[in-house]
Amino acid sequence: MKILLTNDDGVRAPGVWAAARALRQVGEVFVVAPEMEQSGVGTALTLHSAVKAAPAPVDPGLPAGPGHIEDGDALHPVVAYSVAGTPADSCVLGLESLVGAVDLVVSGINAGSNLGWDVVVSGTVGAAIQGYVRGYPTIAISVGAVHNPQFEGAARLLRLLARRLSQAPASSGFFLNINVPSIPPERISGVEVTRLGHRSYAESVREEGSGTDKGYRISRNRPVSGDPQPGTDIWALKRDLISITPLGIILGHREMTPEIEGLVSGLSAQLLDRPD
């Protein structure tokens, strides 16, 4: 199995290497990730300048632990590249130039959850979208803690999912957004297939400096999820369940069509000075 692994925490982040150690038990792993942390940049691509990429050290000694290795598992090679660009840049370069066609795209393991509508600003999800739109089975995976994240449960899950795909390859691409509780695997309550909740965090703005040096710092630090609805990813993670949410890219809102037709009724005649 050939696997592209990317992230938004940077090529030296422990989560990506926890994933690499798990996935190299299933296939050949290529890590193509930003040289620096790029959280919150969403789907941004660098289109107006060249993006540089260079070979990166494999598993740079970060404390993610050796992971669980089953008896008889072979360890496949890992190749790594550092990209001077966004998470989405990294995935594009991997699939279109540095690595080529793969059997699976994985973005993560991210330190910090990616839940509800917040996926639209997630660099982890933004990178994964580039795999999905190219027709590859794609997984974005995160753990629910930024400070002292525990990756073992997420790494084990990735290994199990990748092994199932190696034994029964998907007939077409899919896109999963997975959130794993940041707790020891034995404390995880189970696995739930979920839907996106609503917003989990809102933005706040803080002024900095004064006069011509005045600026504004935007942070996403205000919890707003309230009481999450059963069956949502936010609800599942709060109950120590692994949340697996199938995603797609359909932004249309057909239910609003009759109301919007009423809103624009007669606009053609007014705008173009002729009947509809």
Protein backbone atom coordinates (compact mmCIF):
# COMPACT_ATOMS: atom_id res chain seq x y z
CA MET A 1 0.00 0.00 0.00
CA LYS A 2 1.24 3.50 -0.87
CA ILE A 3 0.23 6.22 1.61
CA LEU A 4 0.63 10.02 1.52
CA LEU A 5 0.76 11.56 4.98
CA THR A 6 0.45 15.31 5.52
CA ASN A 7 -0.68 17.70 8.28
CA ASP A 8 -0.98 21.35 9.35
CA ASP A 9 1.18 21.13 12.49
CA GLY A 10 4.43 20.92 10.53
CA VAL A 11 6.81 18.21 9.43
CA ARG A 12 8.41 17.97 12.89
CA ALA A 13 5.13 17.59 14.79
CA PRO A 14 4.91 14.42 16.90
CA GLY A 15 1.43 13.58 15.60
CA VAL A 16 2.55 13.06 12.02
CA TRP A 17 5.30 10.71 13.17
CA ALA A 18 2.94 8.76 15.41
CA ALA A 19 0.84 8.26 12.27
CA ALA A 20 3.90 7.35 10.18
CA ARG A 21 5.01 4.72 12.67
CA ALA A 22 1.56 3.14 12.62
CA LEU A 23 1.06 3.30 8.85
CA ARG A 24 4.49 1.94 7.91
CA GLN A 25 3.26 -1.37 9.30
CA VAL A 26 0.72 -1.42 6.44
CA GLY A 27 2.55 0.16 3.51
CA GLU A 28 5.11 2.58 2.14
CA VAL A 29 4.66 6.02 3.72
CA PHE A 30 5.51 9.38 2.19
CA VAL A 31 5.37 12.37 4.55
CA VAL A 32 4.88 15.68 2.71
CA ALA A 33 4.13 18.39 5.26
CA PRO A 34 4.65 22.13 5.88
CA GLU A 35 8.03 23.16 7.27
CA MET A 36 6.20 25.25 9.90
CA GLU A 37 2.92 25.01 11.80
CA GLN A 38 -0.01 26.19 9.64
CA SER A 39 -3.12 25.68 11.79
CA GLY A 40 -6.26 27.55 10.75
CA VAL A 41 -5.29 28.30 7.15
CA GLY A 42 -8.09 26.16 5.74
CA THR A 43 -7.82 25.29 2.04
CA ALA A 44 -5.34 28.08 1.15
CA LEU A 45 -3.06 27.44 -1.84
CA THR A 46 0.06 29.38 -2.87
CA LEU A 47 -0.68 30.43 -6.46
CA HIS A 48 1.41 33.57 -6.93
CA SER A 49 4.91 32.36 -6.08
CA ALA A 50 6.96 29.17 -6.28
CA VAL A 51 6.66 26.68 -3.43
CA LYS A 52 9.91 25.06 -2.33
CA ALA A 53 10.17 21.49 -1.06
CA ALA A 54 13.19 19.68 0.32
CA PRO A 55 13.94 16.24 1.77
CA ALA A 56 13.33 16.19 5.53
CA PRO A 57 14.78 13.96 8.27
CA VAL A 58 12.64 10.90 8.92
CA ASP A 59 11.20 10.75 12.44
CA PRO A 60 13.22 13.55 14.04
CA GLY A 61 13.35 12.09 17.55
CA LEU A 62 10.13 13.60 18.86
CA PRO A 63 8.45 11.92 21.85
CA ALA A 64 5.55 10.10 20.18
CA GLY A 65 6.60 6.62 21.34
CA PRO A 66 7.27 3.54 19.21
CA GLY A 67 3.62 2.60 18.76
CA HIS A 68 2.11 -0.86 18.85
CA ILE A 69 3.72 -3.38 16.46
CA GLU A 70 2.00 -6.70 15.93
CA ASP A 71 4.04 -9.88 15.68
CA GLY A 72 5.06 -10.52 12.12
CA ASP A 73 4.46 -6.97 10.88
CA ALA A 74 6.95 -5.77 8.32
CA LEU A 75 8.14 -2.17 8.57
CA HIS A 76 7.94 -0.40 5.23
CA PRO A 77 10.10 2.60 4.29
CA VAL A 78 9.24 6.21 5.07
CA VAL A 79 10.30 9.16 2.90
CA ALA A 80 9.76 12.76 4.08
CA TYR A 81 9.64 16.19 2.45
CA SER A 82 9.38 19.63 4.05
CA VAL A 83 7.28 22.16 2.11
CA ALA A 84 7.59 25.94 2.42
CA GLY A 85 3.86 26.40 1.96
CA THR A 86 0.42 25.57 3.27
CA PRO A 87 -1.03 22.16 4.17
CA ALA A 88 -2.99 22.13 0.91
CA ASP A 89 0.20 23.01 -1.00
CA SER A 90 1.87 20.02 0.63
CA CYS A 91 -0.85 17.60 -0.43
CA VAL A 92 -0.92 18.98 -3.99
CA LEU A 93 2.86 18.73 -4.35
CA GLY A 94 2.80 15.21 -2.95
CA LEU A 95 0.12 13.93 -5.30
CA GLU A 96 1.08 15.89 -8.40
CA SER A 97 4.88 15.83 -8.23
CA LEU A 98 6.82 14.40 -5.28
CA VAL A 99 4.96 11.12 -4.74
CA GLY A 100 2.30 10.62 -7.40
CA ALA A 101 -0.71 8.35 -7.21
CA VAL A 102 -1.37 6.68 -3.85
CA ASP A 103 -3.81 4.27 -2.26
CA LEU A 104 -4.62 6.47 0.75
CA VAL A 105 -4.22 10.10 1.82
CA VAL A 106 -4.03 10.88 5.55
CA SER A 107 -3.88 14.36 7.10
CA GLY A 108 -2.83 14.33 10.77
CA ILE A 109 -2.64 13.25 13.45
CA ASN A 110 -3.57 16.79 14.47
CA ALA A 111 -3.09 18.08 18.00
CA GLY A 112 -6.53 19.52 18.78
CA SER A 113 -9.98 18.51 17.56
CA ASN A 114 -11.55 19.53 14.25
CA LEU A 115 -15.29 19.45 14.91
CA GLY A 116 -18.51 20.84 13.50
CA TRP A 117 -18.48 23.79 11.16
CA ASP A 118 -14.95 24.60 12.30
CA VAL A 119 -13.68 22.15 9.66
CA VAL A 120 -13.95 24.98 7.10
CA VAL A 121 -10.96 26.77 8.66
CA SER A 122 -8.98 23.66 9.53
CA GLY A 123 -5.63 23.24 7.79
CA THR A 124 -5.84 19.53 8.55
CA VAL A 125 -9.13 19.23 6.67
CA GLY A 126 -7.96 21.74 4.03
CA ALA A 127 -5.03 19.50 3.14
CA ALA A 128 -7.22 16.39 3.06
CA ILE A 129 -9.65 18.01 0.60
CA GLN A 130 -6.91 17.95 -2.04
CA GLY A 131 -6.77 14.17 -1.80
CA TYR A 132 -10.54 13.79 -1.89
CA VAL A 133 -11.10 15.98 -4.97
CA ARG A 134 -8.54 13.82 -6.80
CA GLY A 135 -10.58 10.71 -6.08
CA TYR A 136 -8.43 9.12 -3.35
CA PRO A 137 -9.66 7.55 -0.11
CA THR A 138 -8.85 10.34 2.33
CA ILE A 139 -8.78 10.65 6.11
CA ALA A 140 -8.34 13.77 8.26
CA ILE A 141 -7.64 12.71 11.84
CA SER A 142 -7.26 14.69 15.08
CA VAL A 143 -7.05 14.12 18.81
CA GLY A 144 -9.06 16.22 21.24
CA ALA A 145 -6.22 18.04 23.01
CA VAL A 146 -3.66 20.68 22.10
CA HIS A 147 -1.64 20.38 25.31
CA ASN A 148 -0.09 16.99 26.03
CA PRO A 149 -2.02 15.23 23.25
CA GLN A 150 -2.12 11.43 23.37
CA PHE A 151 -1.79 9.93 19.90
CA GLU A 152 -1.78 6.20 20.63
CA GLY A 153 -5.52 5.64 20.14
CA ALA A 154 -5.57 7.60 16.87
CA ALA A 155 -2.45 5.81 15.60
CA ARG A 156 -3.96 2.38 16.34
CA LEU A 157 -7.18 3.36 14.56
CA LEU A 158 -5.26 4.54 11.48
CA ARG A 159 -3.35 1.27 11.32
CA LEU A 160 -6.56 -0.77 11.53
CA LEU A 161 -8.36 1.32 8.89
CA ALA A 162 -5.37 1.24 6.53
CA ARG A 163 -5.06 -2.53 6.92
CA ARG A 164 -8.73 -2.99 6.05
CA LEU A 165 -8.29 -0.83 2.96
CA SER A 166 -5.19 -2.80 1.95
CA GLN A 167 -7.20 -6.03 2.15
CA ALA A 168 -10.34 -4.63 0.50
CA PRO A 169 -9.47 -1.47 -1.47
CA ALA A 170 -12.19 1.16 -1.80
CA SER A 171 -13.90 1.24 -5.19
CA SER A 172 -13.90 5.05 -5.14
CA GLY A 173 -12.67 7.95 -3.08
CA PHE A 174 -14.20 8.91 0.23
CA PHE A 175 -13.49 11.57 2.85
CA LEU A 176 -13.57 10.89 6.60
CA ASN A 177 -13.05 13.44 9.35
CA ILE A 178 -12.04 11.54 12.49
CA ASN A 179 -11.72 12.89 16.03
CA VAL A 180 -10.24 10.68 18.74
CA PRO A 181 -10.39 11.40 22.49
CA SER A 182 -6.96 12.31 23.85
CA ILE A 183 -7.01 9.55 26.45
CA PRO A 184 -5.41 6.10 26.74
CA PRO A 185 -6.99 3.66 24.25
CA GLU A 186 -8.43 1.48 27.00
CA ARG A 187 -10.55 4.41 28.19
CA ILE A 188 -12.13 5.13 24.80
CA SER A 189 -15.85 4.29 24.91
CA GLY A 190 -16.20 3.12 21.30
CA VAL A 191 -16.57 4.28 17.70
CA GLU A 192 -19.51 6.33 16.39
CA VAL A 193 -20.31 7.35 12.81
CA THR A 194 -21.46 10.94 13.19
CA ARG A 195 -22.52 14.11 11.40
CA LEU A 196 -21.02 17.57 11.78
CA GLY A 197 -22.19 19.62 14.73
CA HIS A 198 -22.49 23.39 14.47
CA ARG A 199 -19.79 25.81 15.56
CA SER A 200 -17.59 24.69 18.41
CA TYR A 201 -15.49 27.87 18.69
CA ALA A 202 -16.01 31.54 17.85
CA GLU A 203 -13.50 34.27 17.13
CA SER A 204 -12.38 37.04 19.45
CA VAL A 205 -10.37 40.13 18.48
CA ARG A 206 -7.75 41.86 20.61
CA GLU A 207 -6.19 45.22 19.78
CA GLU A 208 -2.42 45.49 19.89
CA GLY A 209 -0.19 48.56 19.72
CA SER A 210 -1.32 52.10 19.00
CA GLY A 211 -1.20 54.76 16.34
CA THR A 212 0.28 53.59 13.06
CA ASP A 213 1.43 50.38 14.78
CA LYS A 214 -2.08 49.44 15.86
CA GLY A 215 -3.17 45.95 14.84
CA TYR A 216 -5.76 43.33 15.64
CA ARG A 217 -5.10 39.75 16.70
CA ILE A 218 -7.81 37.23 15.81
CA SER A 219 -8.13 34.14 17.99
CA ARG A 220 -10.55 31.20 17.91
CA ASN A 221 -10.88 30.73 21.65
CA ARG A 222 -14.53 31.13 22.62
CA PRO A 223 -16.43 27.83 23.03
CA VAL A 224 -19.93 28.19 21.56
CA SER A 225 -21.12 24.61 21.04
CA GLY A 226 -23.54 24.73 23.99
CA ASP A 227 -25.45 21.48 24.40
CA PRO A 228 -24.39 19.35 21.40
CA GLN A 229 -27.03 17.34 19.58
CA PRO A 230 -26.89 13.52 19.80
CA GLY A 231 -25.24 11.97 16.78
CA THR A 232 -22.91 14.89 16.12
CA ASP A 233 -19.13 14.77 16.25
CA ILE A 234 -19.07 17.23 19.18
CA TRP A 235 -21.54 15.05 21.12
CA ALA A 236 -19.47 11.91 20.49
CA LEU A 237 -16.13 13.37 21.55
CA LYS A 238 -17.63 14.69 24.80
CA ARG A 239 -18.59 11.08 25.59
CA ASP A 240 -15.10 9.72 24.92
CA LEU A 241 -16.25 8.18 21.64
CA ILE A 242 -14.21 8.19 18.45
CA SER A 243 -16.16 10.30 15.97
CA ILE A 244 -16.00 9.32 12.28
CA THR A 245 -17.82 11.81 10.06
CA PRO A 246 -18.17 11.22 6.30
CA LEU A 247 -17.61 14.51 4.48
CA GLY A 248 -18.28 15.75 0.96
CA ILE A 249 -18.04 19.05 -0.87
CA ILE A 250 -21.60 20.13 -1.61
CA LEU A 251 -22.24 23.72 -0.57
CA GLY A 252 -25.63 24.10 -2.23
CA HIS A 253 -28.72 24.55 -0.01
CA ARG A 254 -31.65 23.23 -2.05
CA GLU A 255 -34.13 23.68 0.80
CA MET A 256 -33.69 27.45 0.47
CA THR A 257 -34.51 27.50 -3.26
CA PRO A 258 -38.24 28.42 -2.96
CA GLU A 259 -37.53 31.26 -0.53
CA ILE A 260 -34.73 32.68 -2.69
CA GLU A 261 -36.91 32.36 -5.83
CA GLY A 262 -39.44 34.57 -4.03
CA LEU A 263 -36.70 37.02 -3.07
CA VAL A 264 -35.51 37.48 -6.66
CA SER A 265 -38.90 37.31 -8.36
CA GLY A 266 -39.23 40.17 -10.87
CA LEU A 267 -35.56 41.17 -10.65
CA SER A 268 -34.94 40.36 -14.33
CA ALA A 269 -37.61 42.86 -15.42
CA GLN A 270 -36.22 45.56 -13.12
CA LEU A 271 -32.57 44.86 -13.89
CA LEU A 272 -32.80 44.33 -17.65
CA ASP A 273 -35.91 46.44 -18.30
CA ARG A 274 -37.72 43.50 -19.87
CA PRO A 275 -40.15 40.82 -18.68
CA ASP A 276 -38.85 37.65 -16.98
